[in-house]
């Protein structure tokens, strides 16, 4: 599990034969889970100045592979006792989005992202979303897109400052919205308010 708070921006050294090798100051252990641009991957090798992870064919089908060059976001998995500051992130990319506009609003930036309309049921106004591993709040949801507001420090300390119109990004929608939608879709009878309260209490 992750929080969507980027701990380091690493440098890609190579991507070959399904292996992504990064230069980073963070020193994981073999087999550790680590999110790379929001994708949960397992450490398969430790190098002199970083580490390697393996990308399965399934993973490669669902992520923006073209972003795995230059700089990437990394976040190690949480350990028991860590401070929880972002939101609950699984590191499972649901879909890809395309940035269509970045608008400077003075003390912040409005970022508009096109997405498959089928995913909009899980993208909630004022709810949480993960973009390339960054925990963010959704401000508005439209027919085929949504709007984020990015503050200057996020632009400076993450790769958002390098994104442009047309950039593709990995998206993980809100886990609770996905779970509730799945339960509702497979529930043969209507839920009572007591049942809804019980489901909410589980999380």
N, C-alpha and C. Protein backbone atom coordinates (compact mmCIF):
# COMPACT_ATOMS: atom_id res chain seq x y z
N UNK A 1 0.84 -1.19 0.00
CA UNK A 1 0.00 0.00 0.00
C UNK A 1 0.88 1.24 0.00
N UNK A 2 0.37 2.31 -0.62
CA UNK A 2 1.11 3.57 -0.74
C UNK A 2 0.21 4.73 -0.30
N UNK A 3 0.79 5.92 -0.28
CA UNK A 3 0.01 7.10 0.12
C UNK A 3 -0.12 8.13 -0.99
N UNK A 4 0.65 7.97 -2.07
CA UNK A 4 0.60 8.96 -3.14
C UNK A 4 1.46 10.17 -2.88
N UNK A 5 2.40 10.06 -1.95
CA UNK A 5 3.36 11.13 -1.69
C UNK A 5 4.72 10.71 -2.23
N UNK A 6 5.22 11.44 -3.20
CA UNK A 6 6.46 11.07 -3.87
C UNK A 6 7.64 11.29 -2.93
N UNK A 7 8.47 10.26 -2.79
CA UNK A 7 9.61 10.33 -1.88
C UNK A 7 10.90 10.71 -2.59
N UNK A 8 10.96 10.47 -3.88
CA UNK A 8 12.18 10.79 -4.63
C UNK A 8 11.86 10.80 -6.12
N UNK A 9 12.60 11.59 -6.87
CA UNK A 9 12.55 11.54 -8.33
C UNK A 9 13.83 10.85 -8.78
N UNK A 10 13.67 9.66 -9.33
CA UNK A 10 14.80 8.84 -9.75
C UNK A 10 15.08 9.05 -11.23
N UNK A 11 16.24 8.55 -11.68
CA UNK A 11 16.64 8.66 -13.08
C UNK A 11 16.65 7.28 -13.72
N UNK A 12 16.00 7.18 -14.88
CA UNK A 12 15.98 5.91 -15.60
C UNK A 12 17.33 5.69 -16.27
N UNK A 13 17.93 4.55 -16.00
CA UNK A 13 19.18 4.19 -16.66
C UNK A 13 18.92 3.34 -17.89
N UNK A 14 17.94 2.45 -17.81
CA UNK A 14 17.62 1.61 -18.96
C UNK A 14 16.26 0.95 -18.78
N UNK A 15 15.67 0.60 -19.92
CA UNK A 15 14.45 -0.21 -19.95
C UNK A 15 14.64 -1.21 -21.08
N UNK A 16 14.95 -2.44 -20.70
CA UNK A 16 15.25 -3.47 -21.71
C UNK A 16 14.89 -4.83 -21.16
N UNK A 17 14.36 -5.68 -22.05
CA UNK A 17 14.00 -7.06 -21.67
C UNK A 17 13.11 -7.10 -20.44
N UNK A 18 12.14 -6.20 -20.41
CA UNK A 18 11.15 -6.11 -19.33
C UNK A 18 11.73 -5.64 -18.00
N UNK A 19 12.99 -5.21 -18.00
CA UNK A 19 13.63 -4.76 -16.77
C UNK A 19 13.88 -3.26 -16.82
N UNK A 20 13.39 -2.56 -15.80
CA UNK A 20 13.60 -1.13 -15.67
C UNK A 20 14.64 -0.90 -14.57
N UNK A 21 15.74 -0.24 -14.93
CA UNK A 21 16.82 0.02 -13.98
C UNK A 21 16.89 1.51 -13.69
N UNK A 22 16.91 1.83 -12.40
CA UNK A 22 16.86 3.22 -11.97
C UNK A 22 18.09 3.59 -11.15
N UNK A 23 18.50 4.84 -11.28
CA UNK A 23 19.50 5.41 -10.37
C UNK A 23 18.74 6.18 -9.30
N UNK A 24 18.97 5.84 -8.04
CA UNK A 24 18.23 6.47 -6.95
C UNK A 24 19.04 6.42 -5.67
N UNK A 25 18.77 7.36 -4.77
CA UNK A 25 19.42 7.34 -3.47
C UNK A 25 18.73 6.34 -2.55
N UNK A 26 17.44 6.08 -2.78
CA UNK A 26 16.71 5.12 -1.96
C UNK A 26 17.28 3.73 -2.18
N UNK A 27 17.49 2.99 -1.09
CA UNK A 27 18.08 1.66 -1.16
C UNK A 27 17.06 0.62 -0.69
N UNK A 28 16.35 -0.02 -1.61
CA UNK A 28 15.39 -1.03 -1.22
C UNK A 28 16.07 -2.37 -0.96
N UNK A 29 15.27 -3.35 -0.56
CA UNK A 29 15.74 -4.73 -0.43
C UNK A 29 15.14 -5.55 -1.57
N UNK A 30 15.76 -6.65 -1.87
CA UNK A 30 15.23 -7.54 -2.90
C UNK A 30 13.80 -7.94 -2.56
N UNK A 31 12.94 -7.83 -3.56
CA UNK A 31 11.55 -8.22 -3.39
C UNK A 31 10.66 -7.13 -2.85
N UNK A 32 11.23 -6.00 -2.43
CA UNK A 32 10.41 -4.89 -1.93
C UNK A 32 9.45 -4.38 -3.00
N UNK A 33 8.29 -3.89 -2.57
CA UNK A 33 7.35 -3.23 -3.47
C UNK A 33 7.66 -1.74 -3.50
N UNK A 34 7.66 -1.18 -4.68
CA UNK A 34 7.91 0.25 -4.84
C UNK A 34 7.08 0.75 -6.02
N UNK A 35 6.49 1.92 -5.86
CA UNK A 35 5.67 2.49 -6.93
C UNK A 35 6.53 3.37 -7.82
N UNK A 36 6.51 3.07 -9.11
CA UNK A 36 7.22 3.86 -10.11
C UNK A 36 6.17 4.53 -10.98
N UNK A 37 6.10 5.85 -10.92
CA UNK A 37 5.03 6.59 -11.61
C UNK A 37 3.65 6.00 -11.30
N UNK A 38 3.49 5.59 -10.03
CA UNK A 38 2.19 5.10 -9.58
C UNK A 38 1.93 3.64 -9.82
N UNK A 39 2.90 2.90 -10.37
CA UNK A 39 2.73 1.48 -10.66
C UNK A 39 3.51 0.66 -9.65
N UNK A 40 2.81 -0.21 -8.93
CA UNK A 40 3.47 -1.05 -7.93
C UNK A 40 4.29 -2.13 -8.63
N UNK A 41 5.60 -2.14 -8.36
CA UNK A 41 6.51 -3.10 -8.98
C UNK A 41 7.40 -3.71 -7.90
N UNK A 42 8.01 -4.85 -8.22
CA UNK A 42 8.87 -5.54 -7.25
C UNK A 42 10.33 -5.37 -7.63
N UNK A 43 11.15 -5.13 -6.63
CA UNK A 43 12.59 -4.98 -6.83
C UNK A 43 13.20 -6.35 -7.13
N UNK A 44 13.90 -6.44 -8.26
CA UNK A 44 14.49 -7.71 -8.69
C UNK A 44 16.01 -7.71 -8.64
N UNK A 45 16.61 -6.54 -8.49
CA UNK A 45 18.08 -6.48 -8.41
C UNK A 45 18.48 -5.17 -7.73
N UNK A 46 19.59 -5.22 -7.03
CA UNK A 46 20.18 -4.04 -6.41
C UNK A 46 21.46 -3.72 -7.16
N UNK A 47 21.62 -2.48 -7.60
CA UNK A 47 22.81 -2.08 -8.34
C UNK A 47 23.66 -1.15 -7.47
N UNK A 48 24.80 -0.75 -7.99
CA UNK A 48 25.70 0.10 -7.23
C UNK A 48 25.11 1.43 -6.86
N UNK A 49 24.26 1.96 -7.74
CA UNK A 49 23.68 3.28 -7.46
C UNK A 49 22.16 3.31 -7.61
N UNK A 50 21.53 2.14 -7.47
CA UNK A 50 20.08 2.11 -7.57
C UNK A 50 19.53 0.70 -7.50
N UNK A 51 18.55 0.41 -8.34
CA UNK A 51 17.90 -0.89 -8.31
C UNK A 51 17.15 -1.13 -9.61
N UNK A 52 16.71 -2.37 -9.80
CA UNK A 52 15.92 -2.73 -10.98
C UNK A 52 14.59 -3.32 -10.55
N UNK A 53 13.58 -3.14 -11.40
CA UNK A 53 12.26 -3.74 -11.20
C UNK A 53 11.86 -4.39 -12.51
N UNK A 54 10.92 -5.34 -12.43
CA UNK A 54 10.48 -6.04 -13.64
C UNK A 54 9.06 -5.63 -13.98
N UNK A 55 8.83 -5.41 -15.29
CA UNK A 55 7.50 -5.05 -15.78
C UNK A 55 6.93 -6.23 -16.56
N UNK A 56 5.86 -6.79 -16.05
CA UNK A 56 5.22 -7.90 -16.75
C UNK A 56 4.53 -7.38 -18.01
N UNK A 57 4.23 -8.26 -18.97
CA UNK A 57 3.48 -7.83 -20.16
C UNK A 57 2.14 -7.19 -19.80
N UNK A 58 1.49 -7.71 -18.76
CA UNK A 58 0.21 -7.14 -18.31
C UNK A 58 0.40 -5.69 -17.87
N UNK A 59 1.44 -5.44 -17.08
CA UNK A 59 1.72 -4.09 -16.62
C UNK A 59 2.01 -3.17 -17.80
N UNK A 60 2.81 -3.64 -18.74
CA UNK A 60 3.19 -2.81 -19.87
C UNK A 60 1.99 -2.41 -20.74
N UNK A 61 0.95 -3.25 -20.75
CA UNK A 61 -0.24 -2.93 -21.54
C UNK A 61 -1.04 -1.78 -20.95
N UNK A 62 -0.89 -1.55 -19.65
CA UNK A 62 -1.77 -0.61 -18.97
C UNK A 62 -1.12 0.69 -18.54
N UNK A 63 0.17 0.85 -18.75
CA UNK A 63 0.83 2.06 -18.28
C UNK A 63 1.41 2.86 -19.44
N UNK A 64 1.77 4.10 -19.14
CA UNK A 64 2.39 4.98 -20.15
C UNK A 64 3.89 4.67 -20.21
N UNK A 65 4.24 3.70 -21.04
CA UNK A 65 5.64 3.27 -21.13
C UNK A 65 6.56 4.39 -21.59
N UNK A 66 6.03 5.29 -22.42
CA UNK A 66 6.87 6.37 -22.95
C UNK A 66 7.37 7.31 -21.87
N UNK A 67 6.73 7.25 -20.68
CA UNK A 67 7.16 8.11 -19.57
C UNK A 67 8.29 7.50 -18.76
N UNK A 68 8.65 6.25 -19.08
CA UNK A 68 9.73 5.59 -18.34
C UNK A 68 11.08 5.89 -18.97
N UNK A 69 11.39 7.16 -19.00
CA UNK A 69 12.70 7.63 -19.45
C UNK A 69 12.99 8.93 -18.70
N UNK A 70 14.23 9.32 -18.65
CA UNK A 70 14.55 10.55 -17.93
C UNK A 70 14.28 10.39 -16.44
N UNK A 71 13.31 11.15 -15.95
CA UNK A 71 13.00 11.14 -14.52
C UNK A 71 11.65 10.45 -14.27
N UNK A 72 11.56 9.78 -13.12
CA UNK A 72 10.31 9.12 -12.72
C UNK A 72 10.08 9.32 -11.22
N UNK A 73 8.80 9.28 -10.84
CA UNK A 73 8.44 9.33 -9.42
C UNK A 73 8.66 7.96 -8.78
N UNK A 74 9.16 7.94 -7.54
CA UNK A 74 9.19 6.69 -6.80
C UNK A 74 8.64 6.91 -5.39
N UNK A 75 7.94 5.88 -4.91
CA UNK A 75 7.45 5.86 -3.53
C UNK A 75 7.56 4.43 -3.00
N UNK A 76 8.35 4.20 -1.96
CA UNK A 76 8.39 2.87 -1.35
C UNK A 76 7.05 2.55 -0.70
N UNK A 77 6.73 1.26 -0.60
CA UNK A 77 5.50 0.85 0.07
C UNK A 77 5.56 1.26 1.54
N UNK A 78 4.39 1.51 2.11
CA UNK A 78 4.31 1.88 3.52
C UNK A 78 4.74 0.71 4.40
N UNK A 79 5.26 1.04 5.58
CA UNK A 79 5.53 0.03 6.60
C UNK A 79 4.69 0.38 7.83
N UNK A 80 4.45 -0.61 8.67
CA UNK A 80 3.65 -0.40 9.86
C UNK A 80 4.23 0.72 10.71
N UNK A 81 3.37 1.67 11.06
CA UNK A 81 3.81 2.78 11.89
C UNK A 81 4.13 4.04 11.10
N UNK A 82 4.13 3.95 9.75
CA UNK A 82 4.36 5.15 8.94
C UNK A 82 3.24 6.17 9.14
N UNK A 83 3.60 7.42 9.03
CA UNK A 83 2.59 8.49 9.07
C UNK A 83 1.79 8.46 7.77
N UNK A 84 0.47 8.56 7.89
CA UNK A 84 -0.41 8.50 6.72
C UNK A 84 -0.82 9.91 6.35
N UNK A 85 -0.33 10.40 5.19
CA UNK A 85 -0.57 11.80 4.83
C UNK A 85 -1.34 11.99 3.54
N UNK A 86 -1.28 11.04 2.60
CA UNK A 86 -1.98 11.22 1.34
C UNK A 86 -3.34 10.54 1.39
N UNK A 87 -3.56 9.55 0.52
CA UNK A 87 -4.75 8.72 0.60
C UNK A 87 -4.35 7.28 0.29
N UNK A 88 -5.26 6.35 0.47
CA UNK A 88 -4.92 4.94 0.27
C UNK A 88 -4.75 4.67 -1.22
N UNK A 89 -3.53 4.26 -1.58
CA UNK A 89 -3.17 4.00 -2.97
C UNK A 89 -2.66 2.57 -3.08
N UNK A 90 -3.14 1.83 -4.06
CA UNK A 90 -2.72 0.44 -4.22
C UNK A 90 -1.56 0.26 -5.19
N UNK A 91 -1.34 1.25 -6.05
CA UNK A 91 -0.32 1.10 -7.07
C UNK A 91 -0.81 0.30 -8.27
N UNK A 92 -2.12 0.25 -8.43
CA UNK A 92 -2.74 -0.47 -9.55
C UNK A 92 -3.30 0.56 -10.54
N UNK A 93 -2.69 0.67 -11.69
CA UNK A 93 -3.13 1.65 -12.68
C UNK A 93 -4.42 1.18 -13.34
N UNK A 94 -5.46 2.00 -13.25
CA UNK A 94 -6.77 1.66 -13.82
C UNK A 94 -6.88 2.03 -15.29
N UNK A 95 -6.28 3.14 -15.64
CA UNK A 95 -6.43 3.64 -17.00
C UNK A 95 -5.37 4.71 -17.27
N UNK A 96 -5.28 5.13 -18.52
CA UNK A 96 -4.40 6.22 -18.90
C UNK A 96 -5.22 7.47 -19.18
N UNK A 97 -4.66 8.60 -18.86
CA UNK A 97 -5.29 9.88 -19.18
C UNK A 97 -4.35 10.69 -20.05
N UNK A 98 -4.92 11.68 -20.73
CA UNK A 98 -4.12 12.58 -21.58
C UNK A 98 -4.35 14.01 -21.13
N UNK A 99 -3.28 14.70 -20.82
CA UNK A 99 -3.40 16.11 -20.42
C UNK A 99 -3.76 16.95 -21.64
N UNK A 100 -4.84 17.69 -21.52
CA UNK A 100 -5.31 18.51 -22.64
C UNK A 100 -5.06 20.00 -22.45
N UNK A 101 -4.88 20.42 -21.20
CA UNK A 101 -4.64 21.83 -20.95
C UNK A 101 -4.01 22.02 -19.57
N UNK A 102 -3.04 22.94 -19.49
CA UNK A 102 -2.47 23.36 -18.21
C UNK A 102 -2.60 24.88 -18.17
N UNK A 103 -3.40 25.36 -17.24
CA UNK A 103 -3.73 26.78 -17.18
C UNK A 103 -3.18 27.39 -15.90
N UNK A 104 -2.33 28.40 -16.06
CA UNK A 104 -1.78 29.11 -14.90
C UNK A 104 -2.85 30.03 -14.32
N UNK A 105 -3.22 29.77 -13.07
CA UNK A 105 -4.28 30.55 -12.43
C UNK A 105 -3.74 31.53 -11.41
N UNK A 106 -2.46 31.84 -11.48
CA UNK A 106 -1.85 32.80 -10.57
C UNK A 106 -1.09 32.09 -9.47
N UNK A 107 -1.80 31.61 -8.45
CA UNK A 107 -1.13 30.90 -7.36
C UNK A 107 -1.32 29.39 -7.45
N UNK A 108 -1.80 28.92 -8.59
CA UNK A 108 -1.98 27.48 -8.81
C UNK A 108 -2.11 27.23 -10.32
N UNK A 109 -2.20 25.95 -10.67
CA UNK A 109 -2.35 25.57 -12.08
C UNK A 109 -3.55 24.63 -12.20
N UNK A 110 -4.43 24.92 -13.15
CA UNK A 110 -5.53 24.02 -13.45
C UNK A 110 -5.07 23.06 -14.54
N UNK A 111 -5.16 21.77 -14.26
CA UNK A 111 -4.74 20.74 -15.20
C UNK A 111 -5.96 19.93 -15.60
N UNK A 112 -6.25 19.88 -16.91
CA UNK A 112 -7.39 19.16 -17.44
C UNK A 112 -6.90 17.86 -18.06
N UNK A 113 -7.56 16.76 -17.72
CA UNK A 113 -7.13 15.44 -18.16
C UNK A 113 -8.29 14.70 -18.81
N UNK A 114 -8.11 14.30 -20.06
CA UNK A 114 -9.09 13.46 -20.75
C UNK A 114 -8.92 12.02 -20.28
N UNK A 115 -10.05 11.32 -20.17
CA UNK A 115 -10.01 9.95 -19.67
C UNK A 115 -11.16 9.16 -20.29
N UNK A 116 -11.03 7.84 -20.33
CA UNK A 116 -12.10 6.98 -20.81
C UNK A 116 -13.35 7.26 -19.98
N UNK A 117 -14.47 7.63 -20.61
CA UNK A 117 -15.69 7.96 -19.86
C UNK A 117 -16.15 6.84 -18.92
N UNK A 118 -15.77 5.59 -19.22
CA UNK A 118 -16.16 4.48 -18.35
C UNK A 118 -15.53 4.60 -16.96
N UNK A 119 -14.44 5.36 -16.86
CA UNK A 119 -13.75 5.51 -15.58
C UNK A 119 -14.32 6.65 -14.73
N UNK A 120 -15.18 7.47 -15.32
CA UNK A 120 -15.65 8.65 -14.62
C UNK A 120 -16.51 8.32 -13.41
N UNK A 121 -17.10 7.12 -13.39
CA UNK A 121 -17.90 6.72 -12.24
C UNK A 121 -17.05 6.62 -10.98
N UNK A 122 -15.74 6.44 -11.15
CA UNK A 122 -14.83 6.29 -10.01
C UNK A 122 -14.01 7.55 -9.74
N UNK A 123 -14.31 8.60 -10.48
CA UNK A 123 -13.60 9.88 -10.31
C UNK A 123 -14.62 10.88 -9.77
N UNK A 124 -14.47 11.22 -8.49
CA UNK A 124 -15.51 11.95 -7.75
C UNK A 124 -15.05 13.38 -7.47
N UNK A 125 -15.89 14.38 -7.74
CA UNK A 125 -15.52 15.76 -7.39
C UNK A 125 -15.18 15.86 -5.91
N UNK A 126 -14.05 16.49 -5.62
CA UNK A 126 -13.49 16.64 -4.27
C UNK A 126 -13.01 15.31 -3.68
N UNK A 127 -12.96 14.28 -4.52
CA UNK A 127 -12.44 12.99 -4.09
C UNK A 127 -10.97 12.87 -4.44
N UNK A 128 -10.38 11.74 -4.09
CA UNK A 128 -8.96 11.52 -4.32
C UNK A 128 -8.70 10.79 -5.63
N UNK A 129 -7.55 11.07 -6.22
CA UNK A 129 -7.10 10.39 -7.42
C UNK A 129 -5.58 10.37 -7.41
N UNK A 130 -5.00 9.39 -8.08
CA UNK A 130 -3.54 9.31 -8.16
C UNK A 130 -3.12 9.47 -9.61
N UNK A 131 -2.27 10.45 -9.89
CA UNK A 131 -1.76 10.70 -11.23
C UNK A 131 -0.25 10.46 -11.21
N UNK A 132 0.20 9.44 -11.95
CA UNK A 132 1.63 9.09 -11.95
C UNK A 132 2.19 8.96 -10.54
N UNK A 133 1.35 8.42 -9.64
CA UNK A 133 1.79 8.20 -8.27
C UNK A 133 1.59 9.35 -7.32
N UNK A 134 1.08 10.49 -7.80
CA UNK A 134 0.88 11.67 -6.96
C UNK A 134 -0.56 11.72 -6.46
N UNK A 135 -0.73 11.79 -5.16
CA UNK A 135 -2.06 11.92 -4.56
C UNK A 135 -2.59 13.33 -4.77
N UNK A 136 -3.76 13.41 -5.42
CA UNK A 136 -4.34 14.71 -5.74
C UNK A 136 -5.85 14.70 -5.47
N UNK A 137 -6.43 15.90 -5.46
CA UNK A 137 -7.87 16.06 -5.27
C UNK A 137 -8.51 16.48 -6.58
N UNK A 138 -9.59 15.82 -6.95
CA UNK A 138 -10.34 16.17 -8.16
C UNK A 138 -11.22 17.38 -7.86
N UNK A 139 -11.15 18.40 -8.70
CA UNK A 139 -11.98 19.58 -8.49
C UNK A 139 -13.29 19.53 -9.27
N UNK A 140 -13.23 19.16 -10.53
CA UNK A 140 -14.44 19.07 -11.35
C UNK A 140 -14.37 17.85 -12.24
N UNK A 141 -15.54 17.30 -12.55
CA UNK A 141 -15.63 16.16 -13.45
C UNK A 141 -16.58 16.54 -14.59
N UNK A 142 -16.13 16.29 -15.83
CA UNK A 142 -16.92 16.63 -17.01
C UNK A 142 -17.32 15.34 -17.74
N UNK A 143 -17.82 15.47 -18.95
CA UNK A 143 -18.30 14.29 -19.69
C UNK A 143 -17.18 13.33 -20.05
N UNK A 144 -16.03 13.86 -20.40
CA UNK A 144 -14.91 13.02 -20.84
C UNK A 144 -13.60 13.37 -20.17
N UNK A 145 -13.66 14.17 -19.12
CA UNK A 145 -12.42 14.65 -18.52
C UNK A 145 -12.67 15.11 -17.08
N UNK A 146 -11.58 15.54 -16.45
CA UNK A 146 -11.70 16.10 -15.10
C UNK A 146 -10.63 17.17 -14.93
N UNK A 147 -10.81 18.00 -13.89
CA UNK A 147 -9.88 19.10 -13.63
C UNK A 147 -9.24 18.94 -12.26
N UNK A 148 -7.92 19.14 -12.25
CA UNK A 148 -7.13 19.15 -11.03
C UNK A 148 -6.60 20.55 -10.79
N UNK A 149 -6.34 20.90 -9.56
CA UNK A 149 -5.63 22.13 -9.24
C UNK A 149 -4.32 21.76 -8.58
N UNK A 150 -3.22 22.18 -9.20
CA UNK A 150 -1.88 21.83 -8.73
C UNK A 150 -1.23 23.09 -8.13
N UNK A 151 -0.78 22.99 -6.88
CA UNK A 151 -0.15 24.14 -6.25
C UNK A 151 1.32 24.21 -6.69
N UNK A 152 1.94 25.40 -6.57
CA UNK A 152 3.31 25.57 -7.06
C UNK A 152 4.32 24.57 -6.50
N UNK A 153 4.23 24.21 -5.21
CA UNK A 153 5.22 23.29 -4.66
C UNK A 153 5.11 21.91 -5.30
N UNK A 154 3.90 21.50 -5.67
CA UNK A 154 3.73 20.22 -6.35
C UNK A 154 4.32 20.29 -7.75
N UNK A 155 4.12 21.41 -8.42
CA UNK A 155 4.73 21.61 -9.74
C UNK A 155 6.25 21.53 -9.66
N UNK A 156 6.81 22.08 -8.58
CA UNK A 156 8.26 22.15 -8.43
C UNK A 156 8.86 20.81 -8.00
N UNK A 157 8.19 20.12 -7.09
CA UNK A 157 8.78 18.93 -6.46
C UNK A 157 8.38 17.62 -7.13
N UNK A 158 7.52 17.67 -8.15
CA UNK A 158 7.14 16.47 -8.90
C UNK A 158 7.36 16.73 -10.39
N UNK A 159 7.05 15.74 -11.19
CA UNK A 159 7.23 15.88 -12.63
C UNK A 159 6.12 16.65 -13.31
N UNK A 160 5.13 17.10 -12.56
CA UNK A 160 4.05 17.89 -13.16
C UNK A 160 4.59 19.12 -13.86
N UNK A 161 5.70 19.65 -13.35
CA UNK A 161 6.29 20.82 -13.99
C UNK A 161 6.80 20.57 -15.39
N UNK A 162 7.00 19.30 -15.75
CA UNK A 162 7.50 18.97 -17.09
C UNK A 162 6.40 18.48 -18.04
N UNK A 163 5.19 18.29 -17.52
CA UNK A 163 4.10 17.79 -18.36
C UNK A 163 3.60 18.87 -19.31
N UNK A 164 3.15 18.42 -20.47
CA UNK A 164 2.65 19.33 -21.49
C UNK A 164 1.34 18.80 -22.05
N UNK A 165 0.70 19.60 -22.87
CA UNK A 165 -0.50 19.14 -23.57
C UNK A 165 -0.13 17.91 -24.40
N UNK A 166 -0.90 16.85 -24.23
CA UNK A 166 -0.63 15.61 -24.95
C UNK A 166 0.11 14.57 -24.14
N UNK A 167 0.66 14.96 -22.98
CA UNK A 167 1.34 13.99 -22.12
C UNK A 167 0.34 12.96 -21.61
N UNK A 168 0.73 11.68 -21.67
CA UNK A 168 -0.11 10.63 -21.10
C UNK A 168 0.35 10.33 -19.68
N UNK A 169 -0.62 10.05 -18.82
CA UNK A 169 -0.31 9.81 -17.41
C UNK A 169 -1.04 8.57 -16.93
N UNK A 170 -0.43 7.90 -15.94
CA UNK A 170 -1.06 6.75 -15.29
C UNK A 170 -2.09 7.25 -14.27
N UNK A 171 -3.25 6.64 -14.26
CA UNK A 171 -4.31 7.04 -13.35
C UNK A 171 -4.75 5.86 -12.50
N UNK A 172 -4.78 6.06 -11.20
CA UNK A 172 -5.44 5.13 -10.29
C UNK A 172 -6.61 5.87 -9.66
N UNK A 173 -7.82 5.40 -9.93
CA UNK A 173 -9.01 6.04 -9.40
C UNK A 173 -9.16 5.71 -7.91
N UNK A 174 -10.17 6.30 -7.29
CA UNK A 174 -10.39 6.11 -5.86
C UNK A 174 -10.81 4.67 -5.55
N UNK A 175 -10.07 4.03 -4.66
CA UNK A 175 -10.31 2.62 -4.35
C UNK A 175 -11.71 2.41 -3.79
N UNK A 176 -12.16 3.31 -2.92
CA UNK A 176 -13.47 3.13 -2.31
C UNK A 176 -14.58 3.24 -3.35
N UNK A 177 -14.43 4.16 -4.29
CA UNK A 177 -15.43 4.30 -5.35
C UNK A 177 -15.50 3.03 -6.20
N UNK A 178 -14.34 2.43 -6.48
CA UNK A 178 -14.32 1.18 -7.26
C UNK A 178 -15.00 0.05 -6.50
N UNK A 179 -14.69 -0.06 -5.21
CA UNK A 179 -15.26 -1.15 -4.42
C UNK A 179 -16.77 -1.01 -4.31
N UNK A 180 -17.24 0.20 -4.05
CA UNK A 180 -18.69 0.41 -3.92
C UNK A 180 -19.39 0.13 -5.23
N UNK A 181 -18.81 0.59 -6.35
CA UNK A 181 -19.41 0.35 -7.66
C UNK A 181 -19.49 -1.15 -7.95
N UNK A 182 -18.43 -1.88 -7.58
CA UNK A 182 -18.42 -3.33 -7.81
C UNK A 182 -19.49 -4.03 -6.97
N UNK A 183 -19.59 -3.62 -5.71
CA UNK A 183 -20.61 -4.21 -4.83
C UNK A 183 -22.01 -3.94 -5.37
N UNK A 184 -22.26 -2.70 -5.78
CA UNK A 184 -23.59 -2.33 -6.27
C UNK A 184 -23.92 -3.07 -7.56
N UNK A 185 -22.92 -3.26 -8.42
CA UNK A 185 -23.16 -3.93 -9.71
C UNK A 185 -23.48 -5.41 -9.53
N UNK A 186 -23.01 -6.01 -8.45
CA UNK A 186 -23.21 -7.44 -8.24
C UNK A 186 -24.19 -7.75 -7.11
N UNK A 187 -24.84 -6.71 -6.61
CA UNK A 187 -25.83 -6.89 -5.56
C UNK A 187 -27.19 -7.11 -6.20
N UNK A 188 -27.84 -8.21 -5.88
CA UNK A 188 -29.11 -8.55 -6.52
C UNK A 188 -30.29 -7.77 -5.93
N UNK A 189 -30.13 -7.29 -4.73
CA UNK A 189 -31.19 -6.52 -4.11
C UNK A 189 -30.64 -5.20 -3.61
N UNK A 190 -31.53 -4.25 -3.38
CA UNK A 190 -31.10 -2.92 -2.96
C UNK A 190 -30.46 -2.97 -1.58
N UNK A 191 -29.45 -2.11 -1.38
CA UNK A 191 -28.82 -2.01 -0.08
C UNK A 191 -29.64 -1.11 0.84
N UNK A 192 -29.71 -1.49 2.11
CA UNK A 192 -30.35 -0.63 3.10
C UNK A 192 -29.31 0.38 3.58
N UNK A 193 -29.78 1.43 4.26
CA UNK A 193 -28.84 2.41 4.79
C UNK A 193 -27.95 1.79 5.85
N UNK A 194 -28.49 0.82 6.62
CA UNK A 194 -27.67 0.14 7.62
C UNK A 194 -26.54 -0.64 6.97
N UNK A 195 -26.84 -1.28 5.83
CA UNK A 195 -25.80 -2.03 5.11
C UNK A 195 -24.73 -1.09 4.56
N UNK A 196 -25.17 0.07 4.04
CA UNK A 196 -24.22 1.06 3.53
C UNK A 196 -23.33 1.56 4.65
N UNK A 197 -23.92 1.80 5.85
CA UNK A 197 -23.11 2.23 6.99
C UNK A 197 -22.10 1.15 7.39
N UNK A 198 -22.50 -0.12 7.32
CA UNK A 198 -21.59 -1.21 7.66
C UNK A 198 -20.43 -1.30 6.68
N UNK A 199 -20.73 -1.13 5.38
CA UNK A 199 -19.68 -1.14 4.36
C UNK A 199 -18.71 0.00 4.58
N UNK A 200 -19.26 1.19 4.87
CA UNK A 200 -18.40 2.36 5.10
C UNK A 200 -17.51 2.14 6.31
N UNK A 201 -18.04 1.49 7.36
CA UNK A 201 -17.26 1.28 8.58
C UNK A 201 -16.08 0.35 8.35
N UNK A 202 -16.16 -0.51 7.31
CA UNK A 202 -15.06 -1.42 7.03
C UNK A 202 -13.82 -0.69 6.56
N UNK A 203 -13.98 0.52 6.04
CA UNK A 203 -12.85 1.25 5.49
C UNK A 203 -12.49 2.46 6.35
